[in-house]
Structure formats: C-alpha cells, structure tokens
Amino acid sequence: MEAEAVGSSYRRWAPIYDHTFGRITRPGRRRAVEYVNTRSGSVLEVGVGTGLTLPEYAKHLRITGMDYSHEMLAKAQDKVERLGLEGVEDLRQMDARELDYPDAAFDTVVGMYLVSVVPEPERVIAEMARVCKPGGEVVILNHFARDRGFLAWLERVFAPFANLLGWHSDFRKERIMGAPGLELKDETAYPPFGMFTLLRFVKSG
C-alpha cells in the first residue's frame, strides 16, 4: 500500500473512524492498553490515529503518539485538550518508516492495527525496534491472515480493495517476524472471534 493511498483513505475515515472501525477494534485495543499499563516509563504509540487509546493509559506513563494522517492527529489532539490528558507529552505527524526519534528513546513501543495499513511494514517494525530501549518491549496488535475457514475466504475477497479500505485484509504475520533485536515473548488472540492477535516482543540488550 502506497503512502498516498494511506493518506487518502484516512482522510475519508477520520470523521467516522471512532464510531465504525474504532468500535470493532475496541475489545482488543482495551486489552492491549491494560497490558501496557502494567509497565512503566515512556510509551510511543505508532499510528495513534484519532487517539482512541489516549484516555485509557495509566497516569504513571509518559505517552507520545505519532501518525501519518494530519486529519487523524487533529482528532487525537482534540481529545487531549478536551479531556485534559496531562500524561500525553507529544503528538506528531511523521512517516512510521522514518521515525524522528533517537535510538533507544522509549521503554515501550506500541502499534495497534498498524502493520497491515502501512507501506513497508518490515521497515516500520525495524524502526519501532530501533527507538525501543534495550530490555524494553514492542507490542503489536493486529489482524493476521488465516489459512482456512470462512474468515480466510473473506480476507481473500477484500484483499483487492486494500487501497480503498486503507488496510490489507490478507496480511501475513510472517512479514513482521524476525526483526533484528526483537524476540517474541507472547502471542495472544483477542475477540471478536479471535480475529485480532497481540504480539509482545522484547528488545535485546
């Protein structure tokens, strides 16, 4: 998926995202944040979107968010100001393939429903690993393609419409495995129907 297609898609999604895809993904998102809240220090959310997770982070965390879409970030900034989210230190627009942060800058780096919507997800994961501190964690929540069953058939049906939908329905988990410096520690399926999977990686020292 090209960056222009991503930007165009999320300009269309921004006004209605919270009440459409945001509702579908809420259970998995909530559980991912519950896990992140058990950690400490600084958190970078890559692809923060409209900021649906921002009010859910624990107050002891220092949150930074980035997204490619200006329209999505405007929604996120509105939430920060309207809800007085003091733990959110910064929201910035940038390309996830070239994060404008130094090496080892964050204790936890999170990407929710991200890797199937970005161009070159392998580069994105590598960048997430780069800005994560040694001993820190990279947490990925996403839908991954299945090999069989009705959902696998639906994934193949929607696959040609990736640029229109803004995400790849047939995204393979293998594409983001094996990033240098990351070791998979846990894999958990979340509702609805086990459709979304949480991957927890630890950054080697």
N, C-alpha and C. Protein backbone atom coordinates (compact mmCIF):
# COMPACT_ATOMS: atom_id res chain seq x y z
N MET A 1 0.83 -1.19 0.00
CA MET A 1 0.00 0.00 0.00
C MET A 1 0.88 1.25 0.00
N GLU A 2 0.61 2.19 -0.90
CA GLU A 2 1.43 3.38 -1.01
C GLU A 2 1.00 4.42 0.02
N ALA A 3 1.96 5.30 0.38
CA ALA A 3 1.69 6.31 1.40
C ALA A 3 0.54 7.23 0.98
N GLU A 4 0.46 7.58 -0.31
CA GLU A 4 -0.62 8.45 -0.76
C GLU A 4 -1.98 7.78 -0.58
N ALA A 5 -2.04 6.48 -0.83
CA ALA A 5 -3.29 5.75 -0.65
C ALA A 5 -3.68 5.71 0.82
N VAL A 6 -2.69 5.54 1.70
CA VAL A 6 -2.97 5.55 3.14
C VAL A 6 -3.53 6.91 3.56
N GLY A 7 -2.86 7.98 3.12
CA GLY A 7 -3.32 9.31 3.49
C GLY A 7 -4.72 9.60 2.98
N SER A 8 -5.00 9.23 1.73
CA SER A 8 -6.32 9.45 1.15
C SER A 8 -7.38 8.66 1.89
N SER A 9 -7.07 7.39 2.21
CA SER A 9 -8.03 6.54 2.90
C SER A 9 -8.38 7.12 4.27
N TYR A 10 -7.39 7.55 5.01
CA TYR A 10 -7.65 8.02 6.37
C TYR A 10 -8.20 9.43 6.42
N ARG A 11 -8.07 10.18 5.36
CA ARG A 11 -8.84 11.43 5.28
C ARG A 11 -10.33 11.12 5.22
N ARG A 12 -10.67 10.03 4.51
CA ARG A 12 -12.08 9.63 4.45
C ARG A 12 -12.56 9.05 5.78
N TRP A 13 -11.67 8.27 6.44
CA TRP A 13 -12.05 7.59 7.67
C TRP A 13 -12.13 8.53 8.88
N ALA A 14 -11.30 9.57 8.91
CA ALA A 14 -11.14 10.38 10.12
C ALA A 14 -12.45 10.84 10.75
N PRO A 15 -13.43 11.37 9.97
CA PRO A 15 -14.65 11.87 10.62
C PRO A 15 -15.51 10.79 11.27
N ILE A 16 -15.39 9.54 10.81
CA ILE A 16 -16.29 8.48 11.30
C ILE A 16 -15.56 7.32 11.95
N TYR A 17 -14.24 7.40 12.03
CA TYR A 17 -13.44 6.25 12.48
C TYR A 17 -13.85 5.76 13.87
N ASP A 18 -14.03 6.68 14.83
CA ASP A 18 -14.32 6.28 16.21
C ASP A 18 -15.59 5.46 16.31
N HIS A 19 -16.56 5.73 15.42
CA HIS A 19 -17.87 5.07 15.52
C HIS A 19 -18.02 3.88 14.57
N THR A 20 -16.98 3.58 13.81
CA THR A 20 -17.04 2.45 12.88
C THR A 20 -15.96 1.44 13.24
N PHE A 21 -14.82 1.53 12.57
CA PHE A 21 -13.73 0.60 12.85
C PHE A 21 -13.27 0.68 14.30
N GLY A 22 -13.35 1.88 14.88
CA GLY A 22 -12.96 2.06 16.27
C GLY A 22 -13.78 1.20 17.22
N ARG A 23 -15.05 1.05 16.93
CA ARG A 23 -15.92 0.21 17.78
C ARG A 23 -15.57 -1.26 17.64
N ILE A 24 -15.30 -1.70 16.41
CA ILE A 24 -14.98 -3.10 16.16
C ILE A 24 -13.69 -3.50 16.88
N THR A 25 -12.74 -2.60 16.88
CA THR A 25 -11.42 -2.92 17.43
C THR A 25 -11.30 -2.62 18.92
N ARG A 26 -12.33 -2.10 19.53
CA ARG A 26 -12.24 -1.66 20.93
C ARG A 26 -11.84 -2.76 21.91
N PRO A 27 -12.42 -3.98 21.83
CA PRO A 27 -12.04 -5.00 22.83
C PRO A 27 -10.54 -5.32 22.82
N GLY A 28 -9.96 -5.52 21.64
CA GLY A 28 -8.54 -5.81 21.57
C GLY A 28 -7.71 -4.63 22.02
N ARG A 29 -8.11 -3.44 21.62
CA ARG A 29 -7.38 -2.22 21.99
C ARG A 29 -7.36 -2.06 23.50
N ARG A 30 -8.51 -2.30 24.13
CA ARG A 30 -8.60 -2.15 25.59
C ARG A 30 -7.65 -3.11 26.29
N ARG A 31 -7.59 -4.35 25.81
CA ARG A 31 -6.72 -5.34 26.46
C ARG A 31 -5.25 -5.02 26.24
N ALA A 32 -4.93 -4.50 25.07
CA ALA A 32 -3.54 -4.12 24.81
C ALA A 32 -3.11 -3.01 25.75
N VAL A 33 -3.97 -2.02 25.93
CA VAL A 33 -3.64 -0.91 26.82
C VAL A 33 -3.55 -1.39 28.27
N GLU A 34 -4.42 -2.31 28.65
CA GLU A 34 -4.34 -2.87 30.01
C GLU A 34 -2.96 -3.48 30.25
N TYR A 35 -2.42 -4.15 29.23
CA TYR A 35 -1.09 -4.71 29.40
C TYR A 35 -0.04 -3.60 29.50
N VAL A 36 -0.09 -2.64 28.58
CA VAL A 36 0.89 -1.55 28.60
C VAL A 36 0.86 -0.83 29.95
N ASN A 37 -0.33 -0.72 30.54
CA ASN A 37 -0.46 -0.03 31.83
C ASN A 37 0.26 -0.75 32.97
N THR A 38 0.64 -2.01 32.78
CA THR A 38 1.40 -2.72 33.81
C THR A 38 2.88 -2.35 33.76
N ARG A 39 3.28 -1.64 32.72
CA ARG A 39 4.67 -1.26 32.54
C ARG A 39 4.90 0.16 33.09
N SER A 40 6.11 0.64 32.95
CA SER A 40 6.43 1.96 33.48
C SER A 40 7.24 2.74 32.46
N GLY A 41 7.39 4.03 32.72
CA GLY A 41 8.23 4.86 31.87
C GLY A 41 7.53 5.45 30.67
N SER A 42 8.26 5.52 29.57
CA SER A 42 7.79 6.21 28.37
C SER A 42 7.18 5.23 27.37
N VAL A 43 6.13 5.68 26.70
CA VAL A 43 5.42 4.87 25.70
C VAL A 43 5.29 5.67 24.42
N LEU A 44 5.66 5.05 23.31
CA LEU A 44 5.39 5.62 21.99
C LEU A 44 4.31 4.78 21.32
N GLU A 45 3.20 5.42 20.94
CA GLU A 45 2.19 4.72 20.15
C GLU A 45 2.35 5.14 18.70
N VAL A 46 2.77 4.20 17.88
CA VAL A 46 2.96 4.44 16.45
C VAL A 46 1.62 4.20 15.75
N GLY A 47 1.14 5.20 15.03
CA GLY A 47 -0.18 5.10 14.42
C GLY A 47 -1.26 5.35 15.44
N VAL A 48 -1.13 6.44 16.18
CA VAL A 48 -2.07 6.74 17.26
C VAL A 48 -3.47 7.08 16.74
N GLY A 49 -3.57 7.44 15.46
CA GLY A 49 -4.87 7.69 14.85
C GLY A 49 -5.63 8.82 15.52
N THR A 50 -6.90 8.59 15.81
CA THR A 50 -7.75 9.62 16.43
C THR A 50 -7.58 9.66 17.95
N GLY A 51 -6.63 8.88 18.48
CA GLY A 51 -6.35 8.93 19.91
C GLY A 51 -7.32 8.15 20.77
N LEU A 52 -7.92 7.10 20.21
CA LEU A 52 -8.89 6.32 20.99
C LEU A 52 -8.29 5.74 22.27
N THR A 53 -7.01 5.41 22.24
CA THR A 53 -6.39 4.80 23.42
C THR A 53 -5.94 5.82 24.45
N LEU A 54 -5.75 7.05 24.06
CA LEU A 54 -5.10 8.03 24.93
C LEU A 54 -5.76 8.19 26.30
N PRO A 55 -7.09 8.22 26.40
CA PRO A 55 -7.69 8.36 27.73
C PRO A 55 -7.53 7.12 28.61
N GLU A 56 -7.14 5.98 28.00
CA GLU A 56 -7.09 4.72 28.73
C GLU A 56 -5.73 4.44 29.37
N TYR A 57 -4.70 5.16 28.97
CA TYR A 57 -3.38 4.90 29.53
C TYR A 57 -3.32 5.34 30.99
N ALA A 58 -2.58 4.57 31.81
CA ALA A 58 -2.43 4.89 33.22
C ALA A 58 -1.66 6.20 33.40
N LYS A 59 -1.95 6.89 34.48
CA LYS A 59 -1.38 8.22 34.70
C LYS A 59 0.12 8.19 34.95
N HIS A 60 0.67 7.03 35.34
CA HIS A 60 2.10 6.99 35.62
C HIS A 60 2.96 6.88 34.35
N LEU A 61 2.31 6.70 33.19
CA LEU A 61 3.03 6.57 31.93
C LEU A 61 3.18 7.92 31.24
N ARG A 62 4.28 8.07 30.51
CA ARG A 62 4.51 9.27 29.70
C ARG A 62 4.28 8.88 28.23
N ILE A 63 3.24 9.45 27.63
CA ILE A 63 2.77 9.00 26.31
C ILE A 63 3.17 9.96 25.20
N THR A 64 3.73 9.38 24.14
CA THR A 64 3.97 10.10 22.90
C THR A 64 3.22 9.37 21.79
N GLY A 65 2.59 10.11 20.90
CA GLY A 65 1.87 9.49 19.78
C GLY A 65 2.30 10.10 18.46
N MET A 66 2.33 9.28 17.40
CA MET A 66 2.59 9.80 16.07
C MET A 66 1.64 9.13 15.08
N ASP A 67 1.41 9.82 13.98
CA ASP A 67 0.56 9.28 12.93
C ASP A 67 0.90 9.97 11.62
N TYR A 68 0.61 9.29 10.53
CA TYR A 68 0.87 9.85 9.20
C TYR A 68 -0.20 10.85 8.79
N SER A 69 -1.41 10.68 9.33
CA SER A 69 -2.57 11.46 8.90
C SER A 69 -2.77 12.71 9.77
N HIS A 70 -2.70 13.88 9.14
CA HIS A 70 -3.00 15.13 9.84
C HIS A 70 -4.42 15.12 10.39
N GLU A 71 -5.34 14.59 9.58
CA GLU A 71 -6.75 14.60 9.99
C GLU A 71 -6.97 13.74 11.23
N MET A 72 -6.35 12.57 11.28
CA MET A 72 -6.46 11.72 12.46
C MET A 72 -5.84 12.40 13.68
N LEU A 73 -4.66 12.98 13.51
CA LEU A 73 -3.99 13.64 14.63
C LEU A 73 -4.79 14.81 15.18
N ALA A 74 -5.50 15.52 14.32
CA ALA A 74 -6.34 16.62 14.80
C ALA A 74 -7.40 16.11 15.76
N LYS A 75 -7.97 14.95 15.45
CA LYS A 75 -8.95 14.33 16.35
C LYS A 75 -8.29 13.94 17.67
N ALA A 76 -7.08 13.39 17.59
CA ALA A 76 -6.36 12.99 18.80
C ALA A 76 -6.04 14.21 19.67
N GLN A 77 -5.56 15.27 19.04
CA GLN A 77 -5.23 16.48 19.80
C GLN A 77 -6.46 17.07 20.48
N ASP A 78 -7.59 16.99 19.80
CA ASP A 78 -8.84 17.47 20.39
C ASP A 78 -9.18 16.68 21.66
N LYS A 79 -8.97 15.37 21.63
CA LYS A 79 -9.23 14.55 22.83
C LYS A 79 -8.31 14.95 23.98
N VAL A 80 -7.02 15.17 23.67
CA VAL A 80 -6.06 15.55 24.69
C VAL A 80 -6.48 16.84 25.38
N GLU A 81 -6.88 17.83 24.58
CA GLU A 81 -7.26 19.13 25.14
C GLU A 81 -8.61 19.06 25.85
N ARG A 82 -9.55 18.37 25.26
CA ARG A 82 -10.90 18.32 25.83
C ARG A 82 -10.93 17.52 27.13
N LEU A 83 -10.13 16.45 27.21
CA LEU A 83 -10.14 15.58 28.38
C LEU A 83 -9.03 15.90 29.37
N GLY A 84 -8.19 16.85 29.03
CA GLY A 84 -7.11 17.23 29.93
C GLY A 84 -6.14 16.10 30.21
N LEU A 85 -5.67 15.44 29.16
CA LEU A 85 -4.81 14.26 29.30
C LEU A 85 -3.36 14.71 29.50
N GLU A 86 -2.99 14.95 30.75
CA GLU A 86 -1.68 15.50 31.07
C GLU A 86 -0.55 14.52 30.80
N GLY A 87 -0.84 13.21 30.78
CA GLY A 87 0.19 12.22 30.53
C GLY A 87 0.64 12.15 29.08
N VAL A 88 -0.11 12.77 28.18
CA VAL A 88 0.26 12.80 26.76
C VAL A 88 1.22 13.95 26.55
N GLU A 89 2.49 13.63 26.30
CA GLU A 89 3.52 14.66 26.21
C GLU A 89 3.65 15.26 24.82
N ASP A 90 3.34 14.46 23.78
CA ASP A 90 3.58 14.97 22.43
C ASP A 90 2.79 14.14 21.42
N LEU A 91 2.24 14.81 20.41
CA LEU A 91 1.61 14.17 19.26
C LEU A 91 2.23 14.78 18.02
N ARG A 92 2.75 13.92 17.13
CA ARG A 92 3.47 14.45 15.97
C ARG A 92 3.11 13.69 14.70
N GLN A 93 3.16 14.42 13.58
CA GLN A 93 2.92 13.83 12.28
C GLN A 93 4.26 13.40 11.69
N MET A 94 4.35 12.13 11.26
CA MET A 94 5.55 11.64 10.59
C MET A 94 5.26 10.31 9.92
N ASP A 95 6.22 9.84 9.17
CA ASP A 95 6.14 8.56 8.48
C ASP A 95 6.72 7.49 9.40
N ALA A 96 5.96 6.44 9.65
CA ALA A 96 6.42 5.39 10.57
C ALA A 96 7.64 4.65 10.05
N ARG A 97 7.94 4.78 8.77
CA ARG A 97 9.15 4.14 8.21
C ARG A 97 10.41 4.90 8.56
N GLU A 98 10.27 6.15 9.00
CA GLU A 98 11.41 7.00 9.35
C GLU A 98 11.04 7.81 10.59
N LEU A 99 11.02 7.15 11.73
CA LEU A 99 10.63 7.82 12.97
C LEU A 99 11.67 8.86 13.37
N ASP A 100 11.20 10.05 13.67
CA ASP A 100 12.10 11.15 14.01
C ASP A 100 12.37 11.17 15.52
N TYR A 101 12.86 10.04 16.03
CA TYR A 101 13.24 9.90 17.43
C TYR A 101 14.61 9.24 17.49
N PRO A 102 15.37 9.52 18.54
CA PRO A 102 16.70 8.88 18.65
C PRO A 102 16.59 7.40 19.00
N ASP A 103 17.68 6.70 18.84
CA ASP A 103 17.73 5.29 19.23
C ASP A 103 17.42 5.15 20.72
N ALA A 104 16.77 4.03 21.07
CA ALA A 104 16.53 3.67 22.47
C ALA A 104 15.86 4.80 23.26
N ALA A 105 14.83 5.39 22.70
CA ALA A 105 14.18 6.55 23.32
C ALA A 105 12.99 6.17 24.22
N PHE A 106 12.40 4.98 24.03
CA PHE A 106 11.16 4.65 24.72
C PHE A 106 11.25 3.28 25.40
N ASP A 107 10.57 3.18 26.54
CA ASP A 107 10.51 1.90 27.26
C ASP A 107 9.58 0.90 26.58
N THR A 108 8.49 1.43 26.01
CA THR A 108 7.50 0.58 25.32
C THR A 108 7.11 1.26 24.02
N VAL A 109 7.06 0.48 22.95
CA VAL A 109 6.62 1.00 21.64
C VAL A 109 5.45 0.14 21.19
N VAL A 110 4.34 0.79 20.89
CA VAL A 110 3.08 0.10 20.61
C VAL A 110 2.58 0.42 19.21
N GLY A 111 2.07 -0.58 18.51
CA GLY A 111 1.42 -0.38 17.23
C GLY A 111 0.13 -1.18 17.19
N MET A 112 -1.01 -0.50 17.21
CA MET A 112 -2.31 -1.18 17.22
C MET A 112 -2.99 -1.01 15.87
N TYR A 113 -3.30 -2.14 15.23
CA TYR A 113 -3.96 -2.14 13.93
C TYR A 113 -3.17 -1.28 12.95
N LEU A 114 -1.86 -1.45 12.98
CA LEU A 114 -0.94 -0.60 12.24
C LEU A 114 -0.28 -1.31 11.07
N VAL A 115 0.28 -2.50 11.32
CA VAL A 115 1.19 -3.09 10.35
C VAL A 115 0.51 -3.48 9.04
N SER A 116 -0.80 -3.67 9.05
CA SER A 116 -1.50 -4.02 7.81
C SER A 116 -2.00 -2.79 7.04
N VAL A 117 -1.68 -1.59 7.54
CA VAL A 117 -2.12 -0.38 6.83
C VAL A 117 -0.96 0.47 6.34
N VAL A 118 0.26 0.15 6.75
CA VAL A 118 1.40 0.99 6.37
C VAL A 118 2.15 0.41 5.18
N PRO A 119 2.78 1.27 4.37
CA PRO A 119 3.70 0.77 3.36
C PRO A 119 4.93 0.19 4.06
N GLU A 120 5.51 -0.85 3.51
CA GLU A 120 6.75 -1.43 4.01
C GLU A 120 6.72 -1.72 5.52
N PRO A 121 5.82 -2.59 5.95
CA PRO A 121 5.71 -2.88 7.38
C PRO A 121 7.00 -3.41 7.99
N GLU A 122 7.83 -4.07 7.20
CA GLU A 122 9.12 -4.54 7.71
C GLU A 122 9.99 -3.37 8.19
N ARG A 123 9.99 -2.29 7.44
CA ARG A 123 10.74 -1.11 7.84
C ARG A 123 10.15 -0.47 9.08
N VAL A 124 8.82 -0.49 9.19
CA VAL A 124 8.15 0.09 10.35
C VAL A 124 8.53 -0.66 11.62
N ILE A 125 8.51 -2.00 11.55
CA ILE A 125 8.88 -2.79 12.71
C ILE A 125 10.34 -2.55 13.08
N ALA A 126 11.21 -2.43 12.09
CA ALA A 126 12.61 -2.16 12.35
C ALA A 126 12.80 -0.82 13.05
N GLU A 127 12.02 0.18 12.63
CA GLU A 127 12.08 1.49 13.28
C GLU A 127 11.54 1.43 14.70
N MET A 128 10.47 0.68 14.92
CA MET A 128 9.94 0.53 16.28
C MET A 128 10.98 -0.12 17.19
N ALA A 129 11.69 -1.12 16.66
CA ALA A 129 12.75 -1.76 17.43
C ALA A 129 13.89 -0.78 17.72
N ARG A 130 14.23 0.03 16.74
CA ARG A 130 15.34 0.98 16.91
C ARG A 130 15.09 1.96 18.05
N VAL A 131 13.87 2.49 18.14
CA VAL A 131 13.60 3.53 19.14
C VAL A 131 13.22 2.94 20.51
N CYS A 132 13.16 1.60 20.60
CA CYS A 132 12.86 0.93 21.87
C CYS A 132 14.16 0.72 22.65
N LYS A 133 14.11 0.94 23.95
CA LYS A 133 15.28 0.74 24.80
C LYS A 133 15.61 -0.75 24.92
N PRO A 134 16.88 -1.10 25.07
CA PRO A 134 17.23 -2.49 25.38
C PRO A 134 16.50 -2.95 26.64
N GLY A 135 15.89 -4.12 26.58
CA GLY A 135 15.08 -4.61 27.69
C GLY A 135 13.65 -4.12 27.64
N GLY A 136 13.36 -3.17 26.75
CA GLY A 136 12.00 -2.67 26.58
C GLY A 136 11.18 -3.60 25.72
N GLU A 137 9.95 -3.20 25.43
CA GLU A 137 9.04 -4.07 24.68
C GLU A 137 8.41 -3.35 23.50
N VAL A 138 8.23 -4.11 22.42
CA VAL A 138 7.45 -3.69 21.26
C VAL A 138 6.18 -4.53 21.25
N VAL A 139 5.03 -3.87 21.30
CA VAL A 139 3.74 -4.54 21.40
C VAL A 139 2.95 -4.27 20.13
N ILE A 140 2.54 -5.34 19.44
CA ILE A 140 1.81 -5.24 18.18
C ILE A 140 0.44 -5.89 18.35
N LEU A 141 -0.60 -5.16 18.03
CA LEU A 141 -1.96 -5.71 17.99
C LEU A 141 -2.48 -5.56 16.58
N ASN A 142 -2.90 -6.68 15.96
CA ASN A 142 -3.30 -6.61 14.57
C ASN A 142 -4.12 -7.83 14.17
N HIS A 143 -4.79 -7.70 13.02
CA HIS A 143 -5.42 -8.85 12.39
C HIS A 143 -4.41 -9.48 11.44
N PHE A 144 -4.30 -10.80 11.48
CA PHE A 144 -3.40 -11.51 10.58
C PHE A 144 -4.18 -12.54 9.78
N ALA A 145 -3.75 -12.77 8.55
CA ALA A 145 -4.46 -13.67 7.64
C ALA A 145 -4.52 -15.08 8.18
N ARG A 146 -5.63 -15.75 7.90
CA ARG A 146 -5.81 -17.14 8.28
C ARG A 146 -5.61 -18.03 7.06
N ASP A 147 -5.36 -19.28 7.31
CA ASP A 147 -5.11 -20.22 6.21
C ASP A 147 -6.37 -20.92 5.73
N ARG A 148 -7.39 -20.98 6.57
CA ARG A 148 -8.60 -21.72 6.19
C ARG A 148 -9.82 -21.16 6.92
N GLY A 149 -11.00 -21.57 6.45
CA GLY A 149 -12.24 -21.16 7.08
C GLY A 149 -12.89 -19.97 6.41
N PHE A 150 -14.06 -19.61 6.95
CA PHE A 150 -14.85 -18.53 6.37
C PHE A 150 -14.14 -17.20 6.41
N LEU A 151 -13.47 -16.89 7.55
CA LEU A 151 -12.74 -15.63 7.65
C LEU A 151 -11.60 -15.54 6.65
N ALA A 152 -10.94 -16.67 6.40
CA ALA A 152 -9.88 -16.69 5.40
C ALA A 152 -10.44 -16.36 4.01
N TRP A 153 -11.62 -16.89 3.72
CA TRP A 153 -12.27 -16.60 2.43
C TRP A 153 -12.61 -15.11 2.33
N LEU A 154 -13.15 -14.52 3.42
CA LEU A 154 -13.46 -13.09 3.41
C LEU A 154 -12.20 -12.25 3.20
N GLU A 155 -11.12 -12.66 3.83
CA GLU A 155 -9.86 -11.94 3.67
C GLU A 155 -9.44 -11.88 2.21
N ARG A 156 -9.59 -12.99 1.52
CA ARG A 156 -9.21 -13.03 0.10
C ARG A 156 -10.15 -12.19 -0.75
N VAL A 157 -11.43 -12.16 -0.39
CA VAL A 157 -12.42 -11.36 -1.13
C VAL A 157 -12.08 -9.87 -1.05
N PHE A 158 -11.72 -9.41 0.16
CA PHE A 158 -11.48 -7.98 0.36
C PHE A 158 -10.06 -7.54 0.00
N ALA A 159 -9.16 -8.48 -0.19
CA ALA A 159 -7.75 -8.15 -0.44
C ALA A 159 -7.54 -7.18 -1.60
N PRO A 160 -8.26 -7.31 -2.75
CA PRO A 160 -8.02 -6.39 -3.87
C PRO A 160 -8.40 -4.94 -3.58
N PHE A 161 -9.14 -4.71 -2.48
CA PHE A 161 -9.63 -3.37 -2.18
C PHE A 161 -8.81 -2.69 -1.09
N ALA A 162 -7.55 -3.11 -0.92
CA ALA A 162 -6.71 -2.60 0.17
C ALA A 162 -6.58 -1.08 0.14
N ASN A 163 -6.32 -0.51 -1.03
CA ASN A 163 -6.13 0.94 -1.11
C ASN A 163 -7.41 1.70 -0.79
N LEU A 164 -8.56 1.13 -1.12
CA LEU A 164 -9.83 1.78 -0.81
C LEU A 164 -10.16 1.66 0.67
N LEU A 165 -9.96 0.48 1.24
CA LEU A 165 -10.29 0.24 2.64
C LEU A 165 -9.28 0.89 3.59
N GLY A 166 -8.03 0.97 3.14
CA GLY A 166 -6.99 1.51 3.99
C GLY A 166 -6.26 0.46 4.80
N TRP A 167 -6.48 -0.83 4.51
CA TRP A 167 -5.76 -1.91 5.22
C TRP A 167 -5.78 -3.17 4.38
N HIS A 168 -4.80 -4.03 4.63
CA HIS A 168 -4.69 -5.30 3.93
C HIS A 168 -5.39 -6.39 4.74
N SER A 169 -6.47 -6.93 4.20
CA SER A 169 -7.23 -7.96 4.92
C SER A 169 -6.49 -9.28 4.97
N ASP A 170 -5.53 -9.49 4.07
CA ASP A 170 -4.82 -10.77 3.98
C ASP A 170 -3.36 -10.63 4.43
N PHE A 171 -3.11 -9.76 5.39
CA PHE A 171 -1.74 -9.50 5.84
C PHE A 171 -1.20 -10.71 6.61
N ARG A 172 0.00 -11.16 6.23
CA ARG A 172 0.62 -12.33 6.84
C ARG A 172 1.50 -11.94 8.02
N LYS A 173 1.33 -12.64 9.12
CA LYS A 173 2.11 -12.37 10.33
C LYS A 173 3.61 -12.50 10.08
N GLU A 174 3.98 -13.41 9.20
CA GLU A 174 5.40 -13.68 8.95
C GLU A 174 6.16 -12.43 8.47
N ARG A 175 5.45 -11.48 7.90
CA ARG A 175 6.11 -10.29 7.37
C ARG A 175 6.77 -9.45 8.46
N ILE A 176 6.30 -9.55 9.69
CA ILE A 176 6.87 -8.71 10.74
C ILE A 176 7.65 -9.52 11.78
N MET A 177 7.84 -10.80 11.51
CA MET A 177 8.62 -11.62 12.43
C MET A 177 10.10 -11.56 12.04
N GLY A 178 10.97 -11.74 13.01
CA GLY A 178 12.39 -11.80 12.73
C GLY A 178 13.07 -10.47 12.61
N ALA A 179 12.44 -9.39 13.12
CA ALA A 179 13.12 -8.09 13.09
C ALA A 179 14.35 -8.15 13.98
N PRO A 180 15.48 -7.59 13.54
CA PRO A 180 16.71 -7.63 14.33
C PRO A 180 16.52 -7.05 15.72
N GLY A 181 16.95 -7.79 16.73
CA GLY A 181 16.90 -7.30 18.10
C GLY A 181 15.61 -7.57 18.83
N LEU A 182 14.60 -8.14 18.15
CA LEU A 182 13.32 -8.40 18.80
C LEU A 182 13.11 -9.90 18.97
N GLU A 183 12.74 -10.30 20.19
CA GLU A 183 12.43 -11.69 20.49
C GLU A 183 10.97 -11.81 20.92
N LEU A 184 10.21 -12.66 20.24
CA LEU A 184 8.80 -12.85 20.58
C LEU A 184 8.68 -13.55 21.93
N LYS A 185 7.93 -12.90 22.84
CA LYS A 185 7.75 -13.46 24.18
C LYS A 185 6.35 -13.99 24.41
N ASP A 186 5.37 -13.45 23.69
CA ASP A 186 3.99 -13.87 23.94
C ASP A 186 3.12 -13.58 22.73
N GLU A 187 2.14 -14.44 22.50
CA GLU A 187 1.17 -14.28 21.40
C GLU A 187 -0.20 -14.67 21.92
N THR A 188 -1.16 -13.73 21.86
CA THR A 188 -2.49 -13.96 22.42
C THR A 188 -3.55 -13.50 21.45
N ALA A 189 -4.56 -14.35 21.20
CA ALA A 189 -5.69 -13.99 20.34
C ALA A 189 -6.78 -13.32 21.17
N TYR A 190 -7.38 -12.27 20.60
CA TYR A 190 -8.42 -11.50 21.29
C TYR A 190 -9.71 -11.48 20.47
N PRO A 191 -10.85 -11.23 21.13
CA PRO A 191 -12.13 -11.15 20.44
C PRO A 191 -12.20 -9.88 19.59
N PRO A 192 -13.22 -9.87 18.67
CA PRO A 192 -14.24 -10.90 18.46
C PRO A 192 -13.71 -12.06 17.61
N PHE A 193 -14.09 -13.26 17.99
CA PHE A 193 -13.79 -14.49 17.24
C PHE A 193 -12.28 -14.75 17.11
N GLY A 194 -11.49 -14.24 18.05
CA GLY A 194 -10.04 -14.41 17.94
C GLY A 194 -9.47 -13.72 16.72
N MET A 195 -10.16 -12.69 16.25
CA MET A 195 -9.79 -12.03 14.99
C MET A 195 -8.50 -11.24 15.10
N PHE A 196 -8.19 -10.75 16.31
CA PHE A 196 -7.02 -9.91 16.50
C PHE A 196 -6.02 -10.60 17.41
N THR A 197 -4.74 -10.37 17.15
CA THR A 197 -3.67 -11.04 17.87
C THR A 197 -2.72 -10.02 18.46
N LEU A 198 -2.36 -10.23 19.74
CA LEU A 198 -1.37 -9.40 20.41
C LEU A 198 -0.03 -10.13 20.39
N LEU A 199 0.98 -9.48 19.83
CA LEU A 199 2.34 -9.99 19.83
C LEU A 199 3.19 -9.10 20.73
N ARG A 200 3.92 -9.73 21.65
CA ARG A 200 4.77 -8.97 22.58
C ARG A 200 6.22 -9.38 22.37
N PHE A 201 7.02 -8.42 21.95
CA PHE A 201 8.44 -8.65 21.69
C PHE A 201 9.29 -7.94 22.76
N VAL A 202 10.41 -8.51 23.10
CA VAL A 202 11.38 -7.87 23.99
C VAL A 202 12.60 -7.48 23.17
N LYS A 203 13.09 -6.26 23.39
CA LYS A 203 14.29 -5.76 22.70
C LYS A 203 15.52 -6.29 23.42
N SER A 204 16.38 -6.92 22.68
CA SER A 204 17.60 -7.47 23.28
C SER A 204 18.55 -6.36 23.69
N GLY A 205 19.39 -6.66 24.67
CA GLY A 205 20.33 -5.65 25.16
C GLY A 205 21.58 -5.61 24.32
